[in-house]
């Protein structure tokens, strides 16, 4: 039986909740604009997507304290320029162009922020190998 001294740490995210004011509009944005893998919808308040090993749940808040913009989700992409251009062509309005935010010994970290159809801030993130 585990004890209070047993080492424990959170190490895996199973699902992320993103608030949606208009669920149908949000589903179209995540499925059609972002191209995320749509799993299923549980009307009238939830829709589920797959992003790598993580489930993303779009949901209409059931309680007032949950009715706020989501934390920023950073989507890791292999080529930020291609991802940025593709999403811009699909009508995504970016708050920032792809820009360098950090130089590590083995890579550069690039970001580009945008908002989803519900006003939540999202970002593209790319780790470009340094040569």
N, C-alpha and C. Protein backbone atom coordinates (compact mmCIF):
# COMPACT_ATOMS: atom_id res chain seq x y z
N UNK A 1 0.85 -1.19 0.00
CA UNK A 1 0.00 0.00 0.00
C UNK A 1 0.89 1.24 0.00
N UNK A 2 0.61 2.22 -0.86
CA UNK A 2 1.42 3.44 -0.90
C UNK A 2 1.32 4.21 0.42
N UNK A 3 2.41 4.85 0.75
CA UNK A 3 2.44 5.68 1.95
C UNK A 3 2.70 7.12 1.55
N UNK A 4 2.58 8.01 2.53
CA UNK A 4 2.80 9.44 2.26
C UNK A 4 4.22 9.70 1.79
N UNK A 5 5.15 8.81 2.11
CA UNK A 5 6.55 9.03 1.71
C UNK A 5 6.86 8.43 0.35
N UNK A 6 5.91 7.70 -0.24
CA UNK A 6 6.13 7.15 -1.57
C UNK A 6 6.33 8.28 -2.56
N UNK A 7 7.38 8.17 -3.37
CA UNK A 7 7.60 9.22 -4.36
C UNK A 7 6.53 9.16 -5.43
N UNK A 8 6.03 10.31 -5.76
CA UNK A 8 4.98 10.42 -6.76
C UNK A 8 5.22 11.67 -7.56
N UNK A 9 4.97 11.60 -8.86
CA UNK A 9 5.04 12.80 -9.69
C UNK A 9 4.10 12.63 -10.87
N UNK A 10 3.55 13.74 -11.31
CA UNK A 10 2.73 13.74 -12.51
C UNK A 10 3.68 13.71 -13.69
N UNK A 11 3.44 12.81 -14.65
CA UNK A 11 4.37 12.70 -15.76
C UNK A 11 3.71 12.58 -17.12
N UNK A 12 2.39 12.44 -17.16
CA UNK A 12 1.72 12.27 -18.44
C UNK A 12 0.42 13.05 -18.43
N UNK A 13 0.18 13.81 -19.49
CA UNK A 13 -1.10 14.50 -19.65
C UNK A 13 -2.01 13.59 -20.46
N UNK A 14 -3.19 13.31 -19.94
CA UNK A 14 -4.14 12.45 -20.64
C UNK A 14 -5.13 13.23 -21.48
N UNK A 15 -5.53 14.40 -20.97
CA UNK A 15 -6.54 15.19 -21.67
C UNK A 15 -6.43 16.64 -21.27
N UNK A 16 -6.72 17.51 -22.21
CA UNK A 16 -6.74 18.95 -21.97
C UNK A 16 -8.15 19.45 -22.28
N UNK A 17 -8.71 20.26 -21.38
CA UNK A 17 -10.02 20.87 -21.60
C UNK A 17 -9.82 22.27 -22.16
N UNK A 18 -10.55 22.58 -23.22
CA UNK A 18 -10.54 23.92 -23.80
C UNK A 18 -11.98 24.41 -23.85
N UNK A 19 -12.20 25.57 -23.24
CA UNK A 19 -13.54 26.14 -23.19
C UNK A 19 -14.02 26.52 -24.59
N UNK A 20 -15.28 26.23 -24.84
CA UNK A 20 -15.92 26.63 -26.09
C UNK A 20 -17.22 27.35 -25.75
N UNK A 21 -17.42 28.50 -26.35
CA UNK A 21 -18.69 29.21 -26.18
C UNK A 21 -19.72 28.66 -27.16
N UNK A 22 -19.27 28.36 -28.38
CA UNK A 22 -20.12 27.80 -29.43
C UNK A 22 -19.45 26.50 -29.87
N UNK A 23 -19.96 25.37 -29.40
CA UNK A 23 -19.30 24.09 -29.63
C UNK A 23 -19.19 23.74 -31.11
N UNK A 24 -20.23 23.95 -31.88
CA UNK A 24 -20.17 23.61 -33.30
C UNK A 24 -19.11 24.44 -34.02
N UNK A 25 -19.03 25.71 -33.71
CA UNK A 25 -18.01 26.59 -34.31
C UNK A 25 -16.63 26.11 -33.91
N UNK A 26 -16.45 25.76 -32.65
CA UNK A 26 -15.14 25.30 -32.16
C UNK A 26 -14.76 23.98 -32.83
N UNK A 27 -15.69 23.08 -33.00
CA UNK A 27 -15.41 21.80 -33.67
C UNK A 27 -14.92 22.06 -35.09
N UNK A 28 -15.60 22.94 -35.81
CA UNK A 28 -15.17 23.25 -37.18
C UNK A 28 -13.76 23.82 -37.19
N UNK A 29 -13.44 24.72 -36.24
CA UNK A 29 -12.12 25.32 -36.20
C UNK A 29 -11.04 24.27 -35.94
N UNK A 30 -11.21 23.46 -34.92
CA UNK A 30 -10.19 22.47 -34.57
C UNK A 30 -10.08 21.35 -35.61
N UNK A 31 -11.21 20.93 -36.17
CA UNK A 31 -11.21 19.85 -37.16
C UNK A 31 -10.80 20.36 -38.53
N UNK A 32 -11.46 21.42 -39.01
CA UNK A 32 -11.27 21.85 -40.39
C UNK A 32 -10.12 22.83 -40.57
N UNK A 33 -9.94 23.75 -39.63
CA UNK A 33 -8.89 24.75 -39.77
C UNK A 33 -7.56 24.24 -39.26
N UNK A 34 -7.55 23.69 -38.03
CA UNK A 34 -6.29 23.18 -37.48
C UNK A 34 -5.96 21.78 -37.98
N UNK A 35 -6.96 21.06 -38.47
CA UNK A 35 -6.72 19.72 -39.01
C UNK A 35 -6.50 18.66 -37.95
N UNK A 36 -6.99 18.89 -36.73
CA UNK A 36 -6.82 17.90 -35.67
C UNK A 36 -7.75 16.72 -35.88
N UNK A 37 -7.33 15.55 -35.43
CA UNK A 37 -8.10 14.32 -35.60
C UNK A 37 -9.34 14.35 -34.70
N UNK A 38 -10.51 14.44 -35.32
CA UNK A 38 -11.78 14.47 -34.60
C UNK A 38 -12.12 13.05 -34.16
N UNK A 39 -12.42 12.88 -32.87
CA UNK A 39 -12.80 11.56 -32.36
C UNK A 39 -14.31 11.39 -32.32
N UNK A 40 -14.98 12.24 -31.54
CA UNK A 40 -16.43 12.16 -31.45
C UNK A 40 -16.97 13.39 -30.73
N UNK A 41 -18.28 13.59 -30.87
CA UNK A 41 -18.96 14.69 -30.19
C UNK A 41 -20.03 14.10 -29.29
N UNK A 42 -20.13 14.67 -28.08
CA UNK A 42 -21.15 14.26 -27.12
C UNK A 42 -22.03 15.48 -26.85
N UNK A 43 -23.00 15.72 -27.76
CA UNK A 43 -23.83 16.91 -27.64
C UNK A 43 -24.58 16.93 -26.30
N UNK A 44 -24.89 18.09 -25.78
CA UNK A 44 -24.65 19.39 -26.41
C UNK A 44 -23.39 20.08 -25.92
N UNK A 45 -22.56 19.43 -25.06
CA UNK A 45 -21.52 20.18 -24.40
C UNK A 45 -20.08 19.75 -24.65
N UNK A 46 -19.82 18.63 -25.33
CA UNK A 46 -18.44 18.17 -25.44
C UNK A 46 -18.12 17.62 -26.83
N UNK A 47 -16.84 17.80 -27.22
CA UNK A 47 -16.31 17.19 -28.43
C UNK A 47 -14.86 16.83 -28.15
N UNK A 48 -14.41 15.72 -28.72
CA UNK A 48 -13.08 15.19 -28.41
C UNK A 48 -12.23 15.05 -29.67
N UNK A 49 -10.95 15.39 -29.51
CA UNK A 49 -9.96 15.32 -30.58
C UNK A 49 -8.74 14.58 -30.06
N UNK A 50 -7.92 14.09 -30.99
CA UNK A 50 -6.67 13.42 -30.64
C UNK A 50 -5.53 14.29 -31.14
N UNK A 51 -4.55 14.50 -30.28
CA UNK A 51 -3.36 15.27 -30.65
C UNK A 51 -2.17 14.50 -30.09
N UNK A 52 -1.57 13.65 -30.93
CA UNK A 52 -0.52 12.77 -30.43
C UNK A 52 -1.14 11.79 -29.45
N UNK A 53 -0.58 11.70 -28.26
CA UNK A 53 -1.10 10.81 -27.23
C UNK A 53 -2.09 11.49 -26.30
N UNK A 54 -2.43 12.74 -26.59
CA UNK A 54 -3.27 13.53 -25.69
C UNK A 54 -4.64 13.75 -26.31
N UNK A 55 -5.68 13.62 -25.50
CA UNK A 55 -7.03 13.96 -25.93
C UNK A 55 -7.27 15.43 -25.62
N UNK A 56 -7.90 16.12 -26.54
CA UNK A 56 -8.31 17.50 -26.33
C UNK A 56 -9.83 17.50 -26.31
N UNK A 57 -10.39 17.99 -25.20
CA UNK A 57 -11.83 18.05 -25.06
C UNK A 57 -12.28 19.50 -25.17
N UNK A 58 -13.09 19.79 -26.17
CA UNK A 58 -13.74 21.09 -26.25
C UNK A 58 -15.03 20.97 -25.46
N UNK A 59 -15.28 21.95 -24.60
CA UNK A 59 -16.48 21.84 -23.79
C UNK A 59 -17.11 23.18 -23.47
N UNK A 60 -18.43 23.16 -23.40
CA UNK A 60 -19.18 24.33 -22.95
C UNK A 60 -19.18 24.25 -21.42
N UNK A 61 -18.65 25.28 -20.74
CA UNK A 61 -18.53 25.21 -19.28
C UNK A 61 -19.88 25.01 -18.60
N UNK A 62 -19.88 24.08 -17.65
CA UNK A 62 -21.09 23.81 -16.88
C UNK A 62 -21.19 24.69 -15.65
N UNK A 63 -20.06 25.28 -15.24
CA UNK A 63 -20.03 26.11 -14.04
C UNK A 63 -19.36 27.44 -14.36
N UNK A 64 -19.81 28.53 -13.77
CA UNK A 64 -19.24 29.85 -14.08
C UNK A 64 -17.73 29.94 -13.84
N UNK A 65 -17.20 29.24 -12.84
CA UNK A 65 -15.76 29.33 -12.57
C UNK A 65 -14.91 28.65 -13.65
N UNK A 66 -15.53 27.86 -14.52
CA UNK A 66 -14.81 27.24 -15.63
C UNK A 66 -14.93 28.05 -16.93
N UNK A 67 -15.70 29.13 -16.89
CA UNK A 67 -15.94 29.93 -18.08
C UNK A 67 -14.89 31.03 -18.22
N UNK A 68 -13.68 30.61 -18.62
CA UNK A 68 -12.57 31.53 -18.84
C UNK A 68 -11.70 30.96 -19.96
N UNK A 69 -10.90 31.83 -20.53
CA UNK A 69 -10.02 31.37 -21.61
C UNK A 69 -9.08 30.29 -21.09
N UNK A 70 -8.69 29.40 -21.97
CA UNK A 70 -7.80 28.29 -21.61
C UNK A 70 -6.38 28.78 -21.39
N UNK A 71 -5.58 27.94 -20.75
CA UNK A 71 -4.15 28.18 -20.70
C UNK A 71 -3.63 28.10 -22.13
N UNK A 72 -2.46 28.64 -22.36
CA UNK A 72 -1.91 28.59 -23.72
C UNK A 72 -1.45 27.17 -24.00
N UNK A 73 -1.87 26.64 -25.13
CA UNK A 73 -1.43 25.32 -25.58
C UNK A 73 -0.45 25.53 -26.72
N UNK A 74 0.70 24.92 -26.60
CA UNK A 74 1.76 25.03 -27.60
C UNK A 74 1.77 23.74 -28.42
N UNK A 75 1.47 23.86 -29.70
CA UNK A 75 1.46 22.72 -30.60
C UNK A 75 2.83 22.59 -31.26
N UNK A 76 3.51 21.49 -30.98
CA UNK A 76 4.84 21.24 -31.53
C UNK A 76 4.71 20.85 -33.00
N UNK A 77 5.39 21.59 -33.87
CA UNK A 77 5.36 21.32 -35.30
C UNK A 77 6.79 21.17 -35.81
N UNK A 78 7.00 20.33 -36.82
CA UNK A 78 8.37 20.13 -37.32
C UNK A 78 8.91 21.34 -38.08
N UNK A 79 8.04 22.06 -38.77
CA UNK A 79 8.48 23.22 -39.56
C UNK A 79 7.48 24.35 -39.32
N UNK A 80 7.88 25.33 -38.54
CA UNK A 80 6.96 26.39 -38.15
C UNK A 80 6.55 27.27 -39.33
N UNK A 81 7.44 27.45 -40.29
CA UNK A 81 7.11 28.27 -41.45
C UNK A 81 5.99 27.61 -42.28
N UNK A 82 6.09 26.31 -42.48
CA UNK A 82 5.06 25.59 -43.24
C UNK A 82 3.74 25.57 -42.47
N UNK A 83 3.79 25.28 -41.17
CA UNK A 83 2.57 25.25 -40.35
C UNK A 83 1.91 26.62 -40.32
N UNK A 84 2.70 27.66 -40.17
CA UNK A 84 2.19 29.04 -40.13
C UNK A 84 1.50 29.38 -41.45
N UNK A 85 2.16 29.10 -42.56
CA UNK A 85 1.60 29.40 -43.88
C UNK A 85 0.32 28.62 -44.13
N UNK A 86 0.30 27.35 -43.76
CA UNK A 86 -0.88 26.51 -43.96
C UNK A 86 -2.06 27.04 -43.18
N UNK A 87 -1.84 27.36 -41.90
CA UNK A 87 -2.95 27.85 -41.08
C UNK A 87 -3.40 29.24 -41.50
N UNK A 88 -2.46 30.07 -41.91
CA UNK A 88 -2.83 31.40 -42.41
C UNK A 88 -3.71 31.26 -43.65
N UNK A 89 -3.34 30.33 -44.55
CA UNK A 89 -4.15 30.08 -45.74
C UNK A 89 -5.56 29.59 -45.38
N UNK A 90 -5.70 28.96 -44.22
CA UNK A 90 -7.00 28.47 -43.76
C UNK A 90 -7.76 29.52 -42.97
N UNK A 91 -7.23 30.74 -42.91
CA UNK A 91 -7.94 31.84 -42.28
C UNK A 91 -7.56 32.14 -40.84
N UNK A 92 -6.53 31.47 -40.32
CA UNK A 92 -6.10 31.77 -38.96
C UNK A 92 -5.38 33.11 -38.95
N UNK A 93 -5.75 33.97 -38.00
CA UNK A 93 -5.09 35.27 -37.84
C UNK A 93 -4.09 35.16 -36.70
N UNK A 94 -2.83 35.34 -37.03
CA UNK A 94 -1.76 35.21 -36.04
C UNK A 94 -1.52 36.54 -35.32
N UNK A 95 -1.32 36.46 -34.02
CA UNK A 95 -0.96 37.64 -33.22
C UNK A 95 0.51 37.96 -33.42
N UNK A 96 1.32 36.92 -33.65
CA UNK A 96 2.76 37.11 -33.89
C UNK A 96 3.19 36.22 -35.04
N UNK A 97 4.14 36.70 -35.78
CA UNK A 97 4.77 35.89 -36.82
C UNK A 97 5.73 34.91 -36.14
N UNK A 98 6.13 33.84 -36.83
CA UNK A 98 7.13 32.96 -36.23
C UNK A 98 8.37 33.77 -35.84
N UNK A 99 8.80 33.57 -34.59
CA UNK A 99 9.95 34.33 -34.11
C UNK A 99 10.79 33.49 -33.15
N UNK A 100 12.06 33.76 -33.15
CA UNK A 100 13.02 33.07 -32.29
C UNK A 100 12.86 33.56 -30.86
N UNK A 101 12.72 32.63 -29.91
CA UNK A 101 12.59 33.02 -28.51
C UNK A 101 13.74 32.51 -27.64
N UNK A 102 14.48 31.50 -28.14
CA UNK A 102 15.58 30.97 -27.32
C UNK A 102 16.55 30.19 -28.19
N UNK A 103 17.83 30.35 -27.89
CA UNK A 103 18.88 29.56 -28.54
C UNK A 103 19.50 28.63 -27.50
N UNK A 104 19.28 27.35 -27.66
CA UNK A 104 19.89 26.33 -26.81
C UNK A 104 21.12 25.79 -27.55
N UNK A 105 21.97 25.05 -26.88
CA UNK A 105 23.15 24.53 -27.57
C UNK A 105 22.84 23.68 -28.80
N UNK A 106 21.72 22.94 -28.77
CA UNK A 106 21.42 22.03 -29.88
C UNK A 106 20.24 22.44 -30.75
N UNK A 107 19.49 23.48 -30.34
CA UNK A 107 18.33 23.88 -31.15
C UNK A 107 17.95 25.33 -30.86
N UNK A 108 17.12 25.86 -31.76
CA UNK A 108 16.50 27.17 -31.56
C UNK A 108 15.01 26.93 -31.33
N UNK A 109 14.43 27.67 -30.40
CA UNK A 109 13.00 27.56 -30.12
C UNK A 109 12.28 28.72 -30.78
N UNK A 110 11.31 28.39 -31.64
CA UNK A 110 10.53 29.38 -32.38
C UNK A 110 9.06 29.26 -31.99
N UNK A 111 8.36 30.39 -31.91
CA UNK A 111 6.95 30.43 -31.57
C UNK A 111 6.17 31.34 -32.52
N UNK A 112 4.87 31.09 -32.63
CA UNK A 112 3.94 31.97 -33.34
C UNK A 112 2.59 31.81 -32.67
N UNK A 113 2.04 32.90 -32.11
CA UNK A 113 0.79 32.84 -31.36
C UNK A 113 -0.41 33.22 -32.23
N UNK A 114 -1.56 32.59 -31.92
CA UNK A 114 -2.82 32.89 -32.60
C UNK A 114 -3.96 32.58 -31.65
N UNK A 115 -5.17 32.94 -32.04
CA UNK A 115 -6.36 32.64 -31.24
C UNK A 115 -7.25 31.66 -31.99
N UNK A 116 -7.92 30.82 -31.20
CA UNK A 116 -8.88 29.91 -31.82
C UNK A 116 -10.21 30.63 -32.03
N UNK A 117 -11.21 29.93 -32.50
CA UNK A 117 -12.51 30.53 -32.78
C UNK A 117 -13.23 30.99 -31.52
N UNK A 118 -12.76 30.57 -30.34
CA UNK A 118 -13.40 30.91 -29.08
C UNK A 118 -12.63 31.96 -28.29
N UNK A 119 -11.54 32.50 -28.87
CA UNK A 119 -10.76 33.53 -28.21
C UNK A 119 -9.62 33.02 -27.36
N UNK A 120 -9.42 31.69 -27.30
CA UNK A 120 -8.31 31.12 -26.54
C UNK A 120 -7.00 31.33 -27.29
N UNK A 121 -5.95 31.66 -26.57
CA UNK A 121 -4.63 31.83 -27.18
C UNK A 121 -3.99 30.46 -27.35
N UNK A 122 -3.49 30.20 -28.55
CA UNK A 122 -2.76 28.98 -28.89
C UNK A 122 -1.45 29.40 -29.52
N UNK A 123 -0.53 28.46 -29.67
CA UNK A 123 0.74 28.80 -30.30
C UNK A 123 1.31 27.61 -31.04
N UNK A 124 2.02 27.93 -32.12
CA UNK A 124 2.85 26.94 -32.79
C UNK A 124 4.22 27.01 -32.13
N UNK A 125 4.86 25.87 -31.98
CA UNK A 125 6.19 25.81 -31.38
C UNK A 125 7.05 24.87 -32.23
N UNK A 126 8.27 25.29 -32.51
CA UNK A 126 9.16 24.46 -33.29
C UNK A 126 10.56 24.52 -32.70
N UNK A 127 11.19 23.37 -32.64
CA UNK A 127 12.58 23.28 -32.18
C UNK A 127 13.44 23.00 -33.41
N UNK A 128 14.10 24.05 -33.89
CA UNK A 128 14.92 23.92 -35.09
C UNK A 128 16.33 23.51 -34.67
N UNK A 129 16.83 22.38 -35.21
CA UNK A 129 18.19 21.97 -34.87
C UNK A 129 19.20 23.05 -35.29
N UNK A 130 20.20 23.25 -34.44
CA UNK A 130 21.26 24.21 -34.78
C UNK A 130 22.33 23.45 -35.56
N UNK A 131 22.83 24.13 -36.56
CA UNK A 131 23.87 23.49 -37.40
C UNK A 131 25.19 24.22 -37.24
